PDB file of N, CA and C in Angstrom:
ATOM      1  N   MET A   1      99.844  58.991  22.670  1.00  0.00           N
ATOM      2  CA  MET A   1      99.526  57.904  21.785  1.00  0.00           C
ATOM      3  C   MET A   1      99.428  56.592  22.561  1.00  0.00           C
ATOM      4  N   GLN A   2     100.324  56.431  23.513  1.00  0.00           N
ATOM      5  CA  GLN A   2     100.297  55.199  24.294  1.00  0.00           C
ATOM      6  C   GLN A   2      99.031  55.117  25.133  1.00  0.00           C
ATOM      7  N   ALA A   3      98.577  56.253  25.645  1.00  0.00           N
ATOM      8  CA  ALA A   3      97.350  56.263  26.441  1.00  0.00           C
ATOM      9  C   ALA A   3      96.152  55.881  25.579  1.00  0.00           C
ATOM     10  N   LEU A   4      96.110  56.404  24.355  1.00  0.00           N
ATOM     11  CA  LEU A   4      95.024  56.064  23.441  1.00  0.00           C
ATOM     12  C   LEU A   4      95.055  54.586  23.097  1.00  0.00           C
ATOM     13  N   GLN A   5      96.230  54.068  22.813  1.00  0.00           N
ATOM     14  CA  GLN A   5      96.348  52.654  22.479  1.00  0.00           C
ATOM     15  C   GLN A   5      95.925  51.787  23.665  1.00  0.00           C
ATOM     16  N   SER A   6      96.304  52.178  24.860  1.00  0.00           N
ATOM     17  CA  SER A   6      95.901  51.426  26.058  1.00  0.00           C
ATOM     18  C   SER A   6      94.391  51.448  26.239  1.00  0.00           C
ATOM     19  N   GLN A   7      93.777  52.606  26.030  1.00  0.00           N
ATOM     20  CA  GLN A   7      92.321  52.713  26.158  1.00  0.00           C
ATOM     21  C   GLN A   7      91.618  51.812  25.149  1.00  0.00           C
ATOM     22  N   ILE A   8      92.117  51.784  23.937  1.00  0.00           N
ATOM     23  CA  ILE A   8      91.512  50.925  22.919  1.00  0.00           C
ATOM     24  C   ILE A   8      91.657  49.464  23.300  1.00  0.00           C
ATOM     25  N   GLU A   9      92.823  49.088  23.794  1.00  0.00           N
ATOM     26  CA  GLU A   9      93.042  47.705  24.203  1.00  0.00           C
ATOM     27  C   GLU A   9      92.126  47.316  25.358  1.00  0.00           C
ATOM     28  N   ILE A  10      91.880  48.236  26.265  1.00  0.00           N
ATOM     29  CA  ILE A  10      91.021  47.947  27.422  1.00  0.00           C
ATOM     30  C   ILE A  10      89.552  47.912  27.016  1.00  0.00           C
ATOM     31  N   ASN A  11      89.103  48.897  26.248  1.00  0.00           N
ATOM     32  CA  ASN A  11      87.683  49.041  25.942  1.00  0.00           C
ATOM     33  C   ASN A  11      87.214  48.268  24.717  1.00  0.00           C
ATOM     34  N   HIS A  12      88.141  47.837  23.881  1.00  0.00           N
ATOM     35  CA  HIS A  12      87.755  47.146  22.641  1.00  0.00           C
ATOM     36  C   HIS A  12      88.603  45.898  22.451  1.00  0.00           C
ATOM     37  N   ARG A  13      88.639  45.067  23.450  1.00  0.00           N
ATOM     38  CA  ARG A  13      89.499  43.878  23.409  1.00  0.00           C
ATOM     39  C   ARG A  13      89.183  42.972  22.227  1.00  0.00           C
ATOM     40  N   SER A  14      87.915  42.823  21.910  1.00  0.00           N
ATOM     41  CA  SER A  14      87.553  41.921  20.811  1.00  0.00           C
ATOM     42  C   SER A  14      87.971  42.487  19.452  1.00  0.00           C
ATOM     43  N   GLU A  15      88.176  43.797  19.371  1.00  0.00           N
ATOM     44  CA  GLU A  15      88.520  44.439  18.098  1.00  0.00           C
ATOM     45  C   GLU A  15      90.016  44.727  17.963  1.00  0.00           C
ATOM     46  N   VAL A  16      90.791  44.485  19.001  1.00  0.00           N
ATOM     47  CA  VAL A  16      92.211  44.799  18.955  1.00  0.00           C
ATOM     48  C   VAL A  16      92.910  43.973  17.884  1.00  0.00           C
ATOM     49  N   GLY A  17      92.519  42.738  17.728  1.00  0.00           N
ATOM     50  CA  GLY A  17      93.132  41.887  16.722  1.00  0.00           C
ATOM     51  C   GLY A  17      92.850  42.337  15.299  1.00  0.00           C
ATOM     52  N   THR A  18      91.846  43.194  15.118  1.00  0.00           N
ATOM     53  CA  THR A  18      91.485  43.670  13.774  1.00  0.00           C
ATOM     54  C   THR A  18      92.161  44.991  13.439  1.00  0.00           C
ATOM     55  N   SER A  19      93.192  45.331  14.150  1.00  0.00           N
ATOM     56  CA  SER A  19      93.975  46.546  13.881  1.00  0.00           C
ATOM     57  C   SER A  19      93.152  47.821  14.060  1.00  0.00           C
ATOM     58  N   LEU A  20      92.404  47.885  15.112  1.00  0.00           N
ATOM     59  CA  LEU A  20      91.583  49.064  15.372  1.00  0.00           C
ATOM     60  C   LEU A  20      92.439  50.312  15.589  1.00  0.00           C
ATOM     61  N   PHE A  21      93.531  50.175  16.325  1.00  0.00           N
ATOM     62  CA  PHE A  21      94.377  51.333  16.610  1.00  0.00           C
ATOM     63  C   PHE A  21      94.966  51.945  15.336  1.00  0.00           C
ATOM     64  N   PRO A  22      95.549  51.171  14.438  1.00  0.00           N
ATOM     65  CA  PRO A  22      96.046  51.776  13.191  1.00  0.00           C
ATOM     66  C   PRO A  22      94.939  52.427  12.360  1.00  0.00           C
ATOM     67  N   LYS A  23      93.759  51.839  12.355  1.00  0.00           N
ATOM     68  CA  LYS A  23      92.638  52.439  11.625  1.00  0.00           C
ATOM     69  C   LYS A  23      92.275  53.781  12.241  1.00  0.00           C
ATOM     70  N   LEU A  24      92.292  53.833  13.551  1.00  0.00           N
ATOM     71  CA  LEU A  24      91.992  55.085  14.245  1.00  0.00           C
ATOM     72  C   LEU A  24      93.037  56.145  13.939  1.00  0.00           C
ATOM     73  N   LEU A  25      94.291  55.761  13.927  1.00  0.00           N
ATOM     74  CA  LEU A  25      95.363  56.708  13.613  1.00  0.00           C
ATOM     75  C   LEU A  25      95.230  57.258  12.197  1.00  0.00           C
ATOM     76  N   MET A  26      94.750  56.431  11.281  1.00  0.00           N
ATOM     77  CA  MET A  26      94.566  56.890   9.910  1.00  0.00           C
ATOM     78  C   MET A  26      93.462  57.931   9.811  1.00  0.00           C
ATOM     79  N   MET A  27      92.554  57.971  10.774  1.00  0.00           N
ATOM     80  CA  MET A  27      91.458  58.931  10.769  1.00  0.00           C
ATOM     81  C   MET A  27      91.855  60.286  11.370  1.00  0.00           C
ATOM     82  N   VAL A  28      92.967  60.356  12.052  1.00  0.00           N
ATOM     83  CA  VAL A  28      93.367  61.583  12.740  1.00  0.00           C
ATOM     84  C   VAL A  28      93.589  62.732  11.750  1.00  0.00           C
ATOM     85  N   SER A  29      94.305  62.484  10.689  1.00  0.00           N
ATOM     86  CA  SER A  29      94.601  63.552   9.729  1.00  0.00           C
ATOM     87  C   SER A  29      93.339  64.115   9.079  1.00  0.00           C
ATOM     88  N   PRO A  30      92.429  63.252   8.559  1.00  0.00           N
ATOM     89  CA  PRO A  30      91.189  63.811   7.991  1.00  0.00           C
ATOM     90  C   PRO A  30      90.353  64.574   9.022  1.00  0.00           C
ATOM     91  N   LEU A  31      90.370  64.129  10.266  1.00  0.00           N
ATOM     92  CA  LEU A  31      89.622  64.840  11.307  1.00  0.00           C
ATOM     93  C   LEU A  31      90.224  66.205  11.591  1.00  0.00           C
ATOM     94  N   ARG A  32      91.525  66.298  11.550  1.00  0.00           N
ATOM     95  CA  ARG A  32      92.178  67.599  11.738  1.00  0.00           C
ATOM     96  C   ARG A  32      91.827  68.546  10.601  1.00  0.00           C
ATOM     97  N   GLU A  33      91.776  68.013   9.381  1.00  0.00           N
ATOM     98  CA  GLU A  33      91.399  68.842   8.236  1.00  0.00           C
ATOM     99  C   GLU A  33      89.962  69.332   8.375  1.00  0.00           C
ATOM    100  N   LEU A  34      89.070  68.450   8.817  1.00  0.00           N
ATOM    101  CA  LEU A  34      87.677  68.849   9.033  1.00  0.00           C
ATOM    102  C   LEU A  34      87.577  69.921  10.109  1.00  0.00           C
ATOM    103  N   ASN A  35      88.368  69.781  11.152  1.00  0.00           N
ATOM    104  CA  ASN A  35      88.358  70.766  12.225  1.00  0.00           C
ATOM    105  C   ASN A  35      88.803  72.133  11.701  1.00  0.00           C
ATOM    106  N   SER A  36      89.840  72.145  10.882  1.00  0.00           N
ATOM    107  CA  SER A  36      90.313  73.409  10.316  1.00  0.00           C
ATOM    108  C   SER A  36      89.254  74.038   9.423  1.00  0.00           C
ATOM    109  N   GLU A  37      88.593  73.221   8.622  1.00  0.00           N
ATOM    110  CA  GLU A  37      87.538  73.721   7.733  1.00  0.00           C
ATOM    111  C   GLU A  37      86.365  74.265   8.543  1.00  0.00           C
ATOM    112  N   GLN A  38      85.980  73.552   9.593  1.00  0.00           N
ATOM    113  CA  GLN A  38      84.873  74.015  10.442  1.00  0.00           C
ATOM    114  C   GLN A  38      85.234  75.347  11.100  1.00  0.00           C
ATOM    115  N   ARG A  39      86.452  75.480  11.596  1.00  0.00           N
ATOM    116  CA  ARG A  39      86.887  76.713  12.241  1.00  0.00           C
ATOM    117  C   ARG A  39      86.829  77.876  11.248  1.00  0.00           C
ATOM    118  N   ARG A  40      87.249  77.620  10.000  1.00  0.00           N
ATOM    119  CA  ARG A  40      87.228  78.656   8.969  1.00  0.00           C
ATOM    120  C   ARG A  40      85.792  79.088   8.685  1.00  0.00           C
ATOM    121  N   VAL A  41      84.891  78.118   8.540  1.00  0.00           N
ATOM    122  CA  VAL A  41      83.489  78.428   8.255  1.00  0.00           C
ATOM    123  C   VAL A  41      82.866  79.197   9.418  1.00  0.00           C
ATOM    124  N   LEU A  42      83.116  78.752  10.638  1.00  0.00           N
ATOM    125  CA  LEU A  42      82.555  79.438  11.803  1.00  0.00           C
ATOM    126  C   LEU A  42      83.111  80.850  11.955  1.00  0.00           C
ATOM    127  N   THR A  43      84.370  81.019  11.640  1.00  0.00           N
ATOM    128  CA  THR A  43      84.962  82.351  11.702  1.00  0.00           C
ATOM    129  C   THR A  43      84.302  83.269  10.683  1.00  0.00           C
ATOM    130  N   ASN A  44      84.028  82.749   9.491  1.00  0.00           N
ATOM    131  CA  ASN A  44      83.328  83.543   8.476  1.00  0.00           C
ATOM    132  C   ASN A  44      81.907  83.873   8.919  1.00  0.00           C
ATOM    133  N   LEU A  45      81.242  82.939   9.563  1.00  0.00           N
ATOM    134  CA  LEU A  45      79.883  83.180  10.057  1.00  0.00           C
ATOM    135  C   LEU A  45      79.861  84.226  11.167  1.00  0.00           C
ATOM    136  N   LYS A  46      80.934  84.308  11.890  1.00  0.00           N
ATOM    137  CA  LYS A  46      81.007  85.251  13.004  1.00  0.00           C
ATOM    138  C   LYS A  46      80.723  86.669  12.531  1.00  0.00           C
ATOM    139  N   GLY A  47      81.187  87.020  11.360  1.00  0.00           N
ATOM    140  CA  GLY A  47      80.941  88.353  10.842  1.00  0.00           C
ATOM    141  C   GLY A  47      79.558  88.526  10.246  1.00  0.00           C
ATOM    142  N   GLN A  48      78.867  87.428   9.924  1.00  0.00           N
ATOM    143  CA  GLN A  48      77.572  87.491   9.268  1.00  0.00           C
ATOM    144  C   GLN A  48      76.395  87.291  10.218  1.00  0.00           C
ATOM    145  N   ILE A  49      76.625  86.570  11.296  1.00  0.00           N
ATOM    146  CA  ILE A  49      75.542  86.239  12.224  1.00  0.00           C
ATOM    147  C   ILE A  49      75.845  86.868  13.575  1.00  0.00           C
ATOM    148  N   ASP A  50      74.814  87.455  14.168  1.00  0.00           N
ATOM    149  CA  ASP A  50      74.964  88.047  15.491  1.00  0.00           C
ATOM    150  C   ASP A  50      74.768  86.953  16.537  1.00  0.00           C
ATOM    151  N   PHE A  51      75.807  86.668  17.267  1.00  0.00           N
ATOM    152  CA  PHE A  51      75.722  85.653  18.321  1.00  0.00           C
ATOM    153  C   PHE A  51      75.407  86.320  19.658  1.00  0.00           C
ATOM    154  N   ALA A  52      74.423  87.204  19.647  1.00  0.00           N
ATOM    155  CA  ALA A  52      74.075  87.981  20.838  1.00  0.00           C
ATOM    156  C   ALA A  52      73.583  87.098  21.979  1.00  0.00           C
ATOM    157  N   GLU A  53      72.985  85.973  21.638  1.00  0.00           N
ATOM    158  CA  GLU A  53      72.463  85.089  22.669  1.00  0.00           C
ATOM    159  C   GLU A  53      73.579  84.580  23.577  1.00  0.00           C
ATOM    160  N   GLY A  54      74.760  84.469  23.032  1.00  0.00           N
ATOM    161  CA  GLY A  54      75.882  84.016  23.840  1.00  0.00           C
ATOM    162  C   GLY A  54      76.068  82.518  23.823  1.00  0.00           C
ATOM    163  N   LEU A  55      74.965  81.766  23.803  1.00  0.00           N
ATOM    164  CA  LEU A  55      75.064  80.318  23.858  1.00  0.00           C
ATOM    165  C   LEU A  55      75.755  79.771  22.613  1.00  0.00           C
ATOM    166  N   LEU A  56      75.326  80.220  21.441  1.00  0.00           N
ATOM    167  CA  LEU A  56      75.958  79.738  20.213  1.00  0.00           C
ATOM    168  C   LEU A  56      77.419  80.156  20.149  1.00  0.00           C
ATOM    169  N   ALA A  57      77.706  81.364  20.551  1.00  0.00           N
ATOM    170  CA  ALA A  57      79.092  81.826  20.551  1.00  0.00           C
ATOM    171  C   ALA A  57      79.929  80.972  21.500  1.00  0.00           C
ATOM    172  N   GLU A  58      79.350  80.619  22.626  1.00  0.00           N
ATOM    173  CA  GLU A  58      80.079  79.793  23.576  1.00  0.00           C
ATOM    174  C   GLU A  58      80.257  78.378  23.050  1.00  0.00           C
ATOM    175  N   ILE A  59      79.215  77.821  22.460  1.00  0.00           N
ATOM    176  CA  ILE A  59      79.303  76.458  21.909  1.00  0.00           C
ATOM    177  C   ILE A  59      80.384  76.369  20.852  1.00  0.00           C
ATOM    178  N   PHE A  60      80.429  77.349  19.959  1.00  0.00           N
ATOM    179  CA  PHE A  60      81.376  77.316  18.856  1.00  0.00           C
ATOM    180  C   PHE A  60      82.659  78.070  19.168  1.00  0.00           C
ATOM    181  N   ASP A  61      82.841  78.475  20.416  1.00  0.00           N
ATOM    182  CA  ASP A  61      84.051  79.153  20.870  1.00  0.00           C
ATOM    183  C   ASP A  61      84.340  80.382  20.008  1.00  0.00           C
ATOM    184  N   LEU A  62      83.318  81.226  19.838  1.00  0.00           N
ATOM    185  CA  LEU A  62      83.456  82.429  19.026  1.00  0.00           C
ATOM    186  C   LEU A  62      83.339  83.694  19.858  1.00  0.00           C
ATOM    187  N   THR A  63      83.552  83.576  21.136  1.00  0.00           N
ATOM    188  CA  THR A  63      83.453  84.755  21.983  1.00  0.00           C
ATOM    189  C   THR A  63      84.638  85.662  21.776  1.00  0.00           C
ATOM    190  N   GLU A  64      84.416  86.947  21.933  1.00  0.00           N
ATOM    191  CA  GLU A  64      85.490  87.922  21.764  1.00  0.00           C
ATOM    192  C   GLU A  64      86.459  87.847  22.904  1.00  0.00           C
TER     193      GLU A  64
END
């Protein structure tokens, strides 16, 4: 967390006063939920779509 806060302070100095870090932290939970939902959908697709090409399976981390 400290590394993230430091990066924000370094890269977004003009926005630090506007509470950018707390806003970013508030987005973490919804992003985790989206990630879980995406993983569930991709896992369901794994049984329906043949990822024989390998590239899509690798992109979505669906390799056996």
